[in-house]
């Protein structure tokens, strides 16, 4: 009678358990926060024109990460730090576009997701001279800010949110990102 050896099967089962159960737990514990970004990293969004993407912003400090799963650099970029998220979205209008119309449209989109833009917007100008509108964002136990910019045939929205304590700690860095937005015509 032939002797059966189970150690090979046991080894295969052990490897599958490690790959299937343990590694995902380790990944979750360590956080798969995306690609770490150095202070001063410029993120560029939009379809390349003459070798450059038309909308950029700068990460002001280390600790932020590009969430590659939620970013498509042809249309948007999402950076996170802990529980705070900053989303930059490119807007290509079908008709005429100005900051007020873009703000009103963003307000409708935010409301559809259960959030709101409480109060009216105020004027903001980036370091590069691009004028826009900005205001608070609230909803789902989070606070933040929303900002819109238009220039020529392009627009950009920047929304940032997180739990009140976390957002409060990073509000200065978020504002620095917003003020670094540049739209090249």
N, C-alpha and C. Protein backbone atom coordinates (compact mmCIF):
# COMPACT_ATOMS: atom_id res chain seq x y z
N UNK A 1 0.83 -1.16 0.00
CA UNK A 1 0.00 0.00 0.00
C UNK A 1 0.89 1.25 0.00
N UNK A 2 0.50 2.23 -0.75
CA UNK A 2 1.28 3.46 -0.87
C UNK A 2 1.06 4.35 0.35
N UNK A 3 2.11 5.00 0.74
CA UNK A 3 2.06 5.89 1.89
C UNK A 3 1.75 7.31 1.42
N UNK A 4 0.74 7.95 2.02
CA UNK A 4 0.32 9.30 1.63
C UNK A 4 1.04 10.32 2.51
N UNK A 5 1.58 11.33 1.86
CA UNK A 5 2.25 12.40 2.60
C UNK A 5 1.44 13.68 2.44
N UNK A 6 1.04 14.22 3.56
CA UNK A 6 0.19 15.41 3.58
C UNK A 6 0.98 16.70 3.79
N UNK A 7 2.24 16.63 4.04
CA UNK A 7 2.97 17.84 4.36
C UNK A 7 3.00 18.82 3.17
N UNK A 8 3.02 18.34 1.97
CA UNK A 8 3.00 19.22 0.78
C UNK A 8 1.69 19.97 0.67
N UNK A 9 0.60 19.25 0.88
CA UNK A 9 -0.72 19.89 0.84
C UNK A 9 -0.85 20.90 1.98
N UNK A 10 -0.35 20.53 3.15
CA UNK A 10 -0.39 21.44 4.30
C UNK A 10 0.39 22.71 4.04
N UNK A 11 1.54 22.58 3.39
CA UNK A 11 2.36 23.74 3.06
C UNK A 11 1.63 24.66 2.08
N UNK A 12 0.98 24.07 1.09
CA UNK A 12 0.22 24.86 0.12
C UNK A 12 -0.91 25.61 0.82
N UNK A 13 -1.63 24.94 1.72
CA UNK A 13 -2.71 25.57 2.46
C UNK A 13 -2.18 26.71 3.32
N UNK A 14 -1.05 26.52 3.97
CA UNK A 14 -0.44 27.56 4.79
C UNK A 14 -0.08 28.78 3.95
N UNK A 15 0.51 28.58 2.80
CA UNK A 15 0.87 29.70 1.92
C UNK A 15 -0.39 30.44 1.47
N UNK A 16 -1.43 29.71 1.10
CA UNK A 16 -2.68 30.35 0.68
C UNK A 16 -3.30 31.15 1.82
N UNK A 17 -3.25 30.63 3.04
CA UNK A 17 -3.76 31.36 4.19
C UNK A 17 -2.99 32.66 4.41
N UNK A 18 -1.70 32.59 4.30
CA UNK A 18 -0.88 33.80 4.48
C UNK A 18 -1.23 34.82 3.41
N UNK A 19 -1.28 34.38 2.17
CA UNK A 19 -1.58 35.31 1.08
C UNK A 19 -3.01 35.84 1.14
N UNK A 20 -3.93 34.99 1.50
CA UNK A 20 -5.34 35.38 1.48
C UNK A 20 -5.83 36.10 2.71
N UNK A 21 -5.26 35.82 3.87
CA UNK A 21 -5.76 36.40 5.11
C UNK A 21 -4.79 37.35 5.79
N UNK A 22 -3.57 36.95 5.93
CA UNK A 22 -2.63 37.73 6.71
C UNK A 22 -2.15 38.97 5.96
N UNK A 23 -1.77 38.84 4.71
CA UNK A 23 -1.25 39.99 3.98
C UNK A 23 -2.27 41.13 3.85
N UNK A 24 -3.56 40.85 3.54
CA UNK A 24 -4.51 41.95 3.53
C UNK A 24 -4.65 42.65 4.89
N UNK A 25 -4.55 41.90 5.97
CA UNK A 25 -4.62 42.51 7.30
C UNK A 25 -3.41 43.41 7.55
N UNK A 26 -2.24 42.96 7.14
CA UNK A 26 -1.03 43.77 7.29
C UNK A 26 -1.14 45.03 6.43
N UNK A 27 -1.62 44.88 5.21
CA UNK A 27 -1.79 46.02 4.32
C UNK A 27 -2.74 47.03 4.93
N UNK A 28 -3.84 46.56 5.49
CA UNK A 28 -4.81 47.46 6.11
C UNK A 28 -4.22 48.15 7.32
N UNK A 29 -3.48 47.42 8.12
CA UNK A 29 -2.87 47.99 9.32
C UNK A 29 -1.84 49.06 8.98
N UNK A 30 -1.05 48.82 7.94
CA UNK A 30 -0.04 49.78 7.54
C UNK A 30 -0.63 50.94 6.76
N UNK A 31 -1.81 50.72 6.19
CA UNK A 31 -2.45 51.76 5.41
C UNK A 31 -1.89 51.81 4.01
N UNK A 32 -2.75 51.65 3.06
CA UNK A 32 -2.32 51.76 1.66
C UNK A 32 -2.75 53.13 1.19
N UNK A 33 -2.16 54.18 1.79
CA UNK A 33 -2.56 55.55 1.56
C UNK A 33 -2.15 56.12 0.23
N UNK A 34 -1.62 55.35 -0.65
CA UNK A 34 -1.23 55.86 -1.94
C UNK A 34 0.24 56.20 -1.97
N UNK A 35 0.62 57.02 -2.92
CA UNK A 35 2.01 57.39 -3.13
C UNK A 35 2.35 58.60 -2.28
N UNK A 36 3.33 58.45 -1.40
CA UNK A 36 3.75 59.57 -0.55
C UNK A 36 4.30 60.70 -1.41
N UNK A 37 3.98 61.93 -1.01
CA UNK A 37 4.41 63.10 -1.76
C UNK A 37 5.34 63.96 -0.90
N UNK A 38 6.39 64.43 -1.49
CA UNK A 38 7.32 65.32 -0.79
C UNK A 38 6.78 66.74 -0.81
N UNK A 39 7.21 67.54 0.15
CA UNK A 39 6.84 68.95 0.16
C UNK A 39 7.31 69.59 -1.15
N UNK A 40 6.45 70.39 -1.76
CA UNK A 40 6.78 71.05 -3.01
C UNK A 40 6.44 70.27 -4.26
N UNK A 41 5.88 69.06 -4.10
CA UNK A 41 5.48 68.27 -5.26
C UNK A 41 4.35 68.97 -6.01
N UNK A 42 4.51 69.11 -7.31
CA UNK A 42 3.48 69.71 -8.16
C UNK A 42 2.66 68.59 -8.78
N UNK A 43 1.35 68.64 -8.58
CA UNK A 43 0.43 67.68 -9.20
C UNK A 43 -0.21 68.37 -10.40
N UNK A 44 -0.15 67.73 -11.55
CA UNK A 44 -0.70 68.29 -12.77
C UNK A 44 -1.86 67.43 -13.26
N UNK A 45 -2.95 68.10 -13.66
CA UNK A 45 -4.18 67.42 -14.07
C UNK A 45 -4.63 67.95 -15.42
N UNK A 46 -5.23 67.07 -16.21
CA UNK A 46 -5.78 67.46 -17.51
C UNK A 46 -5.06 66.76 -18.63
N UNK A 47 -5.63 66.84 -19.79
CA UNK A 47 -5.02 66.25 -20.97
C UNK A 47 -3.81 67.07 -21.36
N UNK A 48 -2.72 66.39 -21.61
CA UNK A 48 -1.49 67.09 -21.95
C UNK A 48 -1.66 67.91 -23.21
N UNK A 49 -1.15 69.13 -23.14
CA UNK A 49 -1.10 70.03 -24.30
C UNK A 49 0.33 70.53 -24.40
N UNK A 50 0.96 70.28 -25.47
CA UNK A 50 2.36 70.68 -25.68
C UNK A 50 3.23 70.17 -24.53
N UNK A 51 2.97 68.94 -24.09
CA UNK A 51 3.80 68.31 -23.07
C UNK A 51 3.49 68.68 -21.63
N UNK A 52 2.44 69.46 -21.39
CA UNK A 52 2.11 69.86 -20.02
C UNK A 52 0.61 69.73 -19.79
N UNK A 53 0.25 69.41 -18.58
CA UNK A 53 -1.17 69.36 -18.20
C UNK A 53 -1.59 70.76 -17.77
N UNK A 54 -2.83 71.18 -18.06
CA UNK A 54 -3.22 72.58 -17.88
C UNK A 54 -3.51 73.06 -16.45
N UNK A 55 -3.78 72.17 -15.51
CA UNK A 55 -4.12 72.61 -14.16
C UNK A 55 -3.13 71.97 -13.19
N UNK A 56 -2.55 72.80 -12.33
CA UNK A 56 -1.58 72.30 -11.36
C UNK A 56 -1.87 72.84 -9.96
N UNK A 57 -1.40 72.12 -8.97
CA UNK A 57 -1.35 72.63 -7.61
C UNK A 57 -0.15 72.01 -6.92
N UNK A 58 0.29 72.63 -5.84
CA UNK A 58 1.51 72.22 -5.15
C UNK A 58 1.18 71.71 -3.75
N UNK A 59 1.79 70.60 -3.39
CA UNK A 59 1.64 70.03 -2.05
C UNK A 59 2.59 70.80 -1.14
N UNK A 60 2.08 71.45 -0.08
CA UNK A 60 2.92 72.35 0.71
C UNK A 60 3.83 71.68 1.74
N UNK A 61 3.51 70.46 2.14
CA UNK A 61 4.27 69.82 3.22
C UNK A 61 4.30 68.31 3.01
N UNK A 62 5.28 67.67 3.60
CA UNK A 62 5.34 66.21 3.56
C UNK A 62 4.18 65.64 4.38
N UNK A 63 3.86 64.39 4.11
CA UNK A 63 2.78 63.73 4.84
C UNK A 63 1.54 63.50 4.00
N UNK A 64 1.44 64.16 2.86
CA UNK A 64 0.31 63.98 1.96
C UNK A 64 0.63 62.82 1.01
N UNK A 65 -0.42 62.17 0.52
CA UNK A 65 -0.24 61.05 -0.42
C UNK A 65 -1.23 61.18 -1.56
N UNK A 66 -0.80 60.82 -2.75
CA UNK A 66 -1.69 60.79 -3.91
C UNK A 66 -2.44 59.47 -3.88
N UNK A 67 -3.76 59.54 -3.84
CA UNK A 67 -4.59 58.33 -3.86
C UNK A 67 -4.78 57.95 -5.32
N UNK A 68 -3.94 57.03 -5.78
CA UNK A 68 -3.95 56.65 -7.19
C UNK A 68 -5.24 55.97 -7.60
N UNK A 69 -5.87 55.26 -6.68
CA UNK A 69 -7.12 54.56 -7.02
C UNK A 69 -8.26 55.55 -7.28
N UNK A 70 -8.20 56.72 -6.69
CA UNK A 70 -9.27 57.70 -6.84
C UNK A 70 -8.85 58.89 -7.72
N UNK A 71 -7.71 58.76 -8.39
CA UNK A 71 -7.21 59.84 -9.23
C UNK A 71 -7.06 59.36 -10.66
N UNK A 72 -7.40 60.24 -11.58
CA UNK A 72 -7.14 60.03 -13.00
C UNK A 72 -6.59 61.34 -13.49
N UNK A 73 -5.29 61.43 -13.64
CA UNK A 73 -4.67 62.72 -13.88
C UNK A 73 -5.16 63.42 -15.15
N UNK A 74 -5.94 62.75 -15.97
CA UNK A 74 -6.54 63.45 -17.10
C UNK A 74 -7.74 64.28 -16.65
N UNK A 75 -8.30 63.98 -15.47
CA UNK A 75 -9.48 64.73 -15.03
C UNK A 75 -9.48 65.14 -13.56
N UNK A 76 -8.78 64.42 -12.69
CA UNK A 76 -8.82 64.76 -11.27
C UNK A 76 -7.63 64.18 -10.52
N UNK A 77 -7.40 64.74 -9.35
CA UNK A 77 -6.38 64.21 -8.44
C UNK A 77 -6.91 64.31 -7.02
N UNK A 78 -6.65 63.27 -6.23
CA UNK A 78 -7.05 63.29 -4.83
C UNK A 78 -5.81 63.05 -3.98
N UNK A 79 -5.57 63.95 -3.05
CA UNK A 79 -4.49 63.76 -2.09
C UNK A 79 -5.10 63.66 -0.71
N UNK A 80 -4.48 62.85 0.14
CA UNK A 80 -4.99 62.63 1.48
C UNK A 80 -3.86 62.74 2.50
N UNK A 81 -4.29 63.07 3.69
CA UNK A 81 -3.39 63.05 4.83
C UNK A 81 -4.24 62.65 6.02
N UNK A 82 -4.04 61.42 6.49
CA UNK A 82 -4.92 60.91 7.54
C UNK A 82 -6.34 60.86 7.02
N UNK A 83 -7.24 61.49 7.74
CA UNK A 83 -8.66 61.48 7.37
C UNK A 83 -9.07 62.67 6.51
N UNK A 84 -8.12 63.53 6.17
CA UNK A 84 -8.43 64.72 5.36
C UNK A 84 -8.15 64.41 3.90
N UNK A 85 -9.11 64.79 3.07
CA UNK A 85 -9.04 64.54 1.63
C UNK A 85 -9.17 65.85 0.88
N UNK A 86 -8.32 66.04 -0.13
CA UNK A 86 -8.40 67.20 -1.02
C UNK A 86 -8.56 66.68 -2.44
N UNK A 87 -9.63 67.11 -3.10
CA UNK A 87 -9.91 66.70 -4.47
C UNK A 87 -9.83 67.90 -5.40
N UNK A 88 -9.04 67.77 -6.46
CA UNK A 88 -9.02 68.77 -7.51
C UNK A 88 -9.63 68.13 -8.75
N UNK A 89 -10.65 68.76 -9.30
CA UNK A 89 -11.32 68.24 -10.49
C UNK A 89 -11.27 69.27 -11.60
N UNK A 90 -10.92 68.83 -12.78
CA UNK A 90 -10.90 69.66 -13.97
C UNK A 90 -12.32 69.78 -14.50
N UNK A 91 -12.68 70.98 -14.92
CA UNK A 91 -14.00 71.22 -15.50
C UNK A 91 -13.82 71.73 -16.92
N UNK A 92 -14.41 71.01 -17.87
CA UNK A 92 -14.40 71.44 -19.27
C UNK A 92 -15.85 71.77 -19.61
N UNK A 93 -16.17 73.03 -19.74
CA UNK A 93 -17.57 73.43 -19.93
C UNK A 93 -18.09 73.12 -21.33
N UNK A 94 -19.39 72.92 -21.39
CA UNK A 94 -20.06 72.75 -22.67
C UNK A 94 -20.46 74.09 -23.25
N UNK A 95 -20.55 75.09 -22.40
CA UNK A 95 -20.91 76.44 -22.82
C UNK A 95 -20.04 77.44 -22.10
N UNK A 96 -20.57 78.65 -21.93
CA UNK A 96 -19.79 79.67 -21.24
C UNK A 96 -19.65 79.29 -19.76
N UNK A 97 -18.55 79.72 -19.18
CA UNK A 97 -18.25 79.34 -17.81
C UNK A 97 -17.70 80.55 -17.06
N UNK A 98 -18.22 80.77 -15.88
CA UNK A 98 -17.64 81.78 -14.99
C UNK A 98 -17.66 81.22 -13.57
N UNK A 99 -16.97 81.89 -12.66
CA UNK A 99 -16.86 81.39 -11.30
C UNK A 99 -18.21 81.21 -10.61
N UNK A 100 -19.12 82.14 -10.81
CA UNK A 100 -20.42 82.06 -10.13
C UNK A 100 -21.23 80.85 -10.63
N UNK A 101 -21.25 80.63 -11.92
CA UNK A 101 -21.98 79.48 -12.47
C UNK A 101 -21.35 78.17 -12.00
N UNK A 102 -20.02 78.14 -11.96
CA UNK A 102 -19.33 76.93 -11.50
C UNK A 102 -19.61 76.69 -10.02
N UNK A 103 -19.62 77.76 -9.20
CA UNK A 103 -19.94 77.63 -7.78
C UNK A 103 -21.35 77.08 -7.59
N UNK A 104 -22.30 77.62 -8.32
CA UNK A 104 -23.69 77.15 -8.21
C UNK A 104 -23.80 75.68 -8.63
N UNK A 105 -23.11 75.28 -9.68
CA UNK A 105 -23.12 73.89 -10.11
C UNK A 105 -22.48 72.97 -9.09
N UNK A 106 -21.37 73.41 -8.50
CA UNK A 106 -20.72 72.61 -7.46
C UNK A 106 -21.65 72.46 -6.26
N UNK A 107 -22.37 73.52 -5.92
CA UNK A 107 -23.33 73.45 -4.81
C UNK A 107 -24.39 72.39 -5.05
N UNK A 108 -24.87 72.29 -6.28
CA UNK A 108 -25.87 71.27 -6.60
C UNK A 108 -25.27 69.86 -6.51
N UNK A 109 -24.06 69.69 -6.96
CA UNK A 109 -23.40 68.38 -6.88
C UNK A 109 -23.17 67.98 -5.43
N UNK A 110 -22.69 68.91 -4.62
CA UNK A 110 -22.45 68.64 -3.20
C UNK A 110 -23.76 68.26 -2.51
N UNK A 111 -24.83 68.97 -2.82
CA UNK A 111 -26.13 68.69 -2.20
C UNK A 111 -26.64 67.29 -2.58
N UNK A 112 -26.38 66.85 -3.80
CA UNK A 112 -26.80 65.51 -4.21
C UNK A 112 -26.10 64.44 -3.40
N UNK A 113 -24.90 64.73 -2.90
CA UNK A 113 -24.15 63.79 -2.07
C UNK A 113 -24.46 63.93 -0.59
N UNK A 114 -25.40 64.78 -0.24
CA UNK A 114 -25.78 64.96 1.16
C UNK A 114 -25.00 66.04 1.88
N UNK A 115 -24.13 66.75 1.19
CA UNK A 115 -23.38 67.83 1.80
C UNK A 115 -24.02 69.16 1.50
N UNK A 116 -23.36 70.23 1.95
CA UNK A 116 -23.88 71.56 1.65
C UNK A 116 -22.75 72.57 1.67
N UNK A 117 -22.99 73.67 0.99
CA UNK A 117 -22.07 74.81 0.99
C UNK A 117 -22.76 75.91 1.80
N UNK A 118 -22.61 75.90 3.12
CA UNK A 118 -23.33 76.88 3.96
C UNK A 118 -22.79 78.29 3.75
N UNK A 119 -23.69 79.25 3.68
CA UNK A 119 -23.26 80.63 3.46
C UNK A 119 -22.84 80.86 2.03
N UNK A 120 -22.58 82.09 1.71
CA UNK A 120 -22.16 82.43 0.36
C UNK A 120 -20.66 82.35 0.20
N UNK A 121 -20.20 82.31 -1.04
CA UNK A 121 -18.76 82.25 -1.27
C UNK A 121 -18.12 83.63 -1.15
N UNK A 122 -16.82 83.63 -0.97
CA UNK A 122 -16.07 84.88 -0.99
C UNK A 122 -15.01 84.77 -2.08
N UNK A 123 -14.52 85.90 -2.51
CA UNK A 123 -13.52 85.94 -3.57
C UNK A 123 -12.17 85.44 -3.05
N UNK A 124 -11.44 84.78 -3.93
CA UNK A 124 -10.10 84.31 -3.61
C UNK A 124 -9.26 84.46 -4.88
N UNK A 125 -7.98 84.75 -4.70
CA UNK A 125 -7.06 84.84 -5.83
C UNK A 125 -5.83 84.02 -5.51
N UNK A 126 -5.43 83.17 -6.44
CA UNK A 126 -4.25 82.32 -6.22
C UNK A 126 -2.97 83.14 -6.32
N UNK A 127 -1.87 82.52 -5.94
CA UNK A 127 -0.56 83.18 -6.05
C UNK A 127 -0.22 83.50 -7.50
N UNK A 128 -0.89 82.78 -8.43
CA UNK A 128 -0.62 82.99 -9.86
C UNK A 128 -1.59 83.99 -10.48
N UNK A 129 -2.46 84.57 -9.66
CA UNK A 129 -3.38 85.58 -10.14
C UNK A 129 -4.71 85.07 -10.67
N UNK A 130 -5.02 83.81 -10.48
CA UNK A 130 -6.29 83.26 -10.94
C UNK A 130 -7.36 83.56 -9.90
N UNK A 131 -8.43 84.22 -10.34
CA UNK A 131 -9.52 84.58 -9.42
C UNK A 131 -10.52 83.45 -9.32
N UNK A 132 -11.11 83.31 -8.15
CA UNK A 132 -12.10 82.27 -7.93
C UNK A 132 -13.03 82.61 -6.80
N UNK A 133 -13.81 81.63 -6.38
CA UNK A 133 -14.72 81.77 -5.24
C UNK A 133 -14.46 80.63 -4.28
N UNK A 134 -14.56 80.90 -2.98
CA UNK A 134 -14.33 79.88 -1.98
C UNK A 134 -15.32 80.03 -0.83
N UNK A 135 -15.58 78.93 -0.15
CA UNK A 135 -16.48 78.95 0.99
C UNK A 135 -16.43 77.64 1.74
N UNK A 136 -17.14 77.58 2.87
CA UNK A 136 -17.12 76.36 3.68
C UNK A 136 -17.93 75.23 3.05
N UNK A 137 -17.57 74.02 3.44
CA UNK A 137 -18.22 72.80 2.99
C UNK A 137 -18.56 72.00 4.24
N UNK A 138 -19.73 71.41 4.31
CA UNK A 138 -20.12 70.63 5.49
C UNK A 138 -21.00 69.47 5.08
N UNK A 139 -20.98 68.40 5.88
CA UNK A 139 -21.85 67.26 5.65
C UNK A 139 -21.26 65.97 6.15
N UNK A 140 -22.10 65.04 6.57
CA UNK A 140 -21.70 63.71 7.00
C UNK A 140 -20.66 63.73 8.12
N UNK A 141 -20.80 64.67 9.07
CA UNK A 141 -19.87 64.74 10.18
C UNK A 141 -18.51 65.29 9.82
N UNK A 142 -18.40 65.91 8.66
CA UNK A 142 -17.13 66.47 8.20
C UNK A 142 -17.30 67.95 7.90
N UNK A 143 -16.19 68.66 7.95
CA UNK A 143 -16.17 70.05 7.53
C UNK A 143 -15.06 70.21 6.51
N UNK A 144 -15.05 71.36 5.84
CA UNK A 144 -14.00 71.58 4.87
C UNK A 144 -14.22 72.86 4.11
N UNK A 145 -13.72 72.87 2.89
CA UNK A 145 -13.85 74.05 2.04
C UNK A 145 -14.08 73.61 0.60
N UNK A 146 -14.66 74.52 -0.15
CA UNK A 146 -14.88 74.32 -1.58
C UNK A 146 -14.41 75.58 -2.29
N UNK A 147 -13.75 75.39 -3.42
CA UNK A 147 -13.22 76.53 -4.17
C UNK A 147 -13.37 76.23 -5.66
N UNK A 148 -13.69 77.26 -6.42
CA UNK A 148 -13.80 77.11 -7.87
C UNK A 148 -12.96 78.18 -8.56
N UNK A 149 -12.41 77.82 -9.70
CA UNK A 149 -11.63 78.74 -10.52
C UNK A 149 -12.02 78.53 -11.98
N UNK A 150 -12.04 79.60 -12.75
CA UNK A 150 -12.23 79.48 -14.20
C UNK A 150 -11.20 80.37 -14.89
N UNK A 151 -10.79 79.91 -16.06
CA UNK A 151 -9.86 80.69 -16.86
C UNK A 151 -9.98 80.19 -18.29
N UNK A 152 -10.24 81.10 -19.20
CA UNK A 152 -10.40 80.75 -20.61
C UNK A 152 -11.45 79.67 -20.77
N UNK A 153 -11.06 78.52 -21.31
CA UNK A 153 -12.01 77.45 -21.59
C UNK A 153 -11.92 76.32 -20.58
N UNK A 154 -11.33 76.58 -19.40
CA UNK A 154 -11.20 75.54 -18.38
C UNK A 154 -11.64 76.05 -17.02
N UNK A 155 -12.02 75.12 -16.18
CA UNK A 155 -12.33 75.43 -14.80
C UNK A 155 -11.77 74.34 -13.91
N UNK A 156 -11.72 74.64 -12.63
CA UNK A 156 -11.26 73.66 -11.66
C UNK A 156 -12.04 73.84 -10.37
N UNK A 157 -12.37 72.73 -9.74
CA UNK A 157 -12.97 72.77 -8.42
C UNK A 157 -12.01 72.08 -7.45
N UNK A 158 -11.92 72.63 -6.26
CA UNK A 158 -11.11 72.02 -5.21
C UNK A 158 -12.01 71.88 -3.99
N UNK A 159 -12.24 70.64 -3.58
CA UNK A 159 -12.99 70.41 -2.35
C UNK A 159 -12.07 69.70 -1.37
N UNK A 160 -12.20 70.08 -0.12
CA UNK A 160 -11.38 69.48 0.93
C UNK A 160 -12.29 69.22 2.13
N UNK A 161 -12.12 68.05 2.75
CA UNK A 161 -12.96 67.76 3.90
C UNK A 161 -12.31 66.72 4.80
N UNK A 162 -12.81 66.69 6.03
CA UNK A 162 -12.35 65.72 7.00
C UNK A 162 -13.07 65.96 8.31
N UNK A 163 -12.87 65.10 9.29
CA UNK A 163 -13.45 65.32 10.61
C UNK A 163 -12.99 66.69 11.14
N UNK A 164 -13.81 67.37 11.91
CA UNK A 164 -13.47 68.74 12.35
C UNK A 164 -12.08 68.89 12.96
N UNK A 165 -11.68 68.02 13.85
CA UNK A 165 -10.35 68.15 14.47
C UNK A 165 -9.24 67.98 13.45
N UNK A 166 -9.34 66.94 12.63
CA UNK A 166 -8.30 66.67 11.63
C UNK A 166 -8.23 67.79 10.60
N UNK A 167 -9.38 68.23 10.13
CA UNK A 167 -9.39 69.30 9.13
C UNK A 167 -8.84 70.59 9.74
N UNK A 168 -9.21 70.87 10.98
CA UNK A 168 -8.70 72.07 11.64
C UNK A 168 -7.19 72.11 11.72
N UNK A 169 -6.57 70.97 12.00
CA UNK A 169 -5.12 70.90 12.07
C UNK A 169 -4.46 71.13 10.72
N UNK A 170 -5.13 70.73 9.65
CA UNK A 170 -4.52 70.81 8.32
C UNK A 170 -5.09 71.94 7.45
N UNK A 171 -5.96 72.77 7.99
CA UNK A 171 -6.62 73.81 7.20
C UNK A 171 -5.61 74.75 6.53
N UNK A 172 -4.52 75.08 7.22
CA UNK A 172 -3.51 75.95 6.62
C UNK A 172 -2.84 75.32 5.41
N UNK A 173 -2.56 74.03 5.49
CA UNK A 173 -1.95 73.34 4.36
C UNK A 173 -2.94 73.22 3.20
N UNK A 174 -4.21 72.98 3.53
CA UNK A 174 -5.24 72.91 2.49
C UNK A 174 -5.33 74.27 1.78
N UNK A 175 -5.36 75.33 2.55
CA UNK A 175 -5.43 76.68 1.96
C UNK A 175 -4.22 76.93 1.07
N UNK A 176 -3.05 76.50 1.50
CA UNK A 176 -1.84 76.68 0.68
C UNK A 176 -1.98 75.95 -0.66
N UNK A 177 -2.57 74.74 -0.64
CA UNK A 177 -2.80 74.01 -1.90
C UNK A 177 -3.75 74.77 -2.80
N UNK A 178 -4.84 75.28 -2.21
CA UNK A 178 -5.83 76.02 -2.99
C UNK A 178 -5.18 77.25 -3.61
N UNK A 179 -4.39 77.97 -2.85
CA UNK A 179 -3.77 79.18 -3.37
C UNK A 179 -2.65 78.90 -4.38
N UNK A 180 -2.25 77.64 -4.51
CA UNK A 180 -1.22 77.29 -5.49
C UNK A 180 -1.80 76.85 -6.83
N UNK A 181 -3.12 76.74 -6.93
CA UNK A 181 -3.74 76.29 -8.18
C UNK A 181 -3.39 77.25 -9.32
N UNK A 182 -3.02 76.66 -10.43
CA UNK A 182 -2.74 77.44 -11.63
C UNK A 182 -3.42 76.78 -12.82
N UNK A 183 -4.12 77.58 -13.60
CA UNK A 183 -4.76 77.09 -14.83
C UNK A 183 -4.07 77.75 -16.00
N UNK A 184 -3.45 76.95 -16.85
CA UNK A 184 -2.80 77.48 -18.05
C UNK A 184 -3.79 77.40 -19.20
N UNK A 185 -4.00 78.49 -19.90
CA UNK A 185 -4.96 78.45 -21.02
C UNK A 185 -4.48 77.60 -22.17
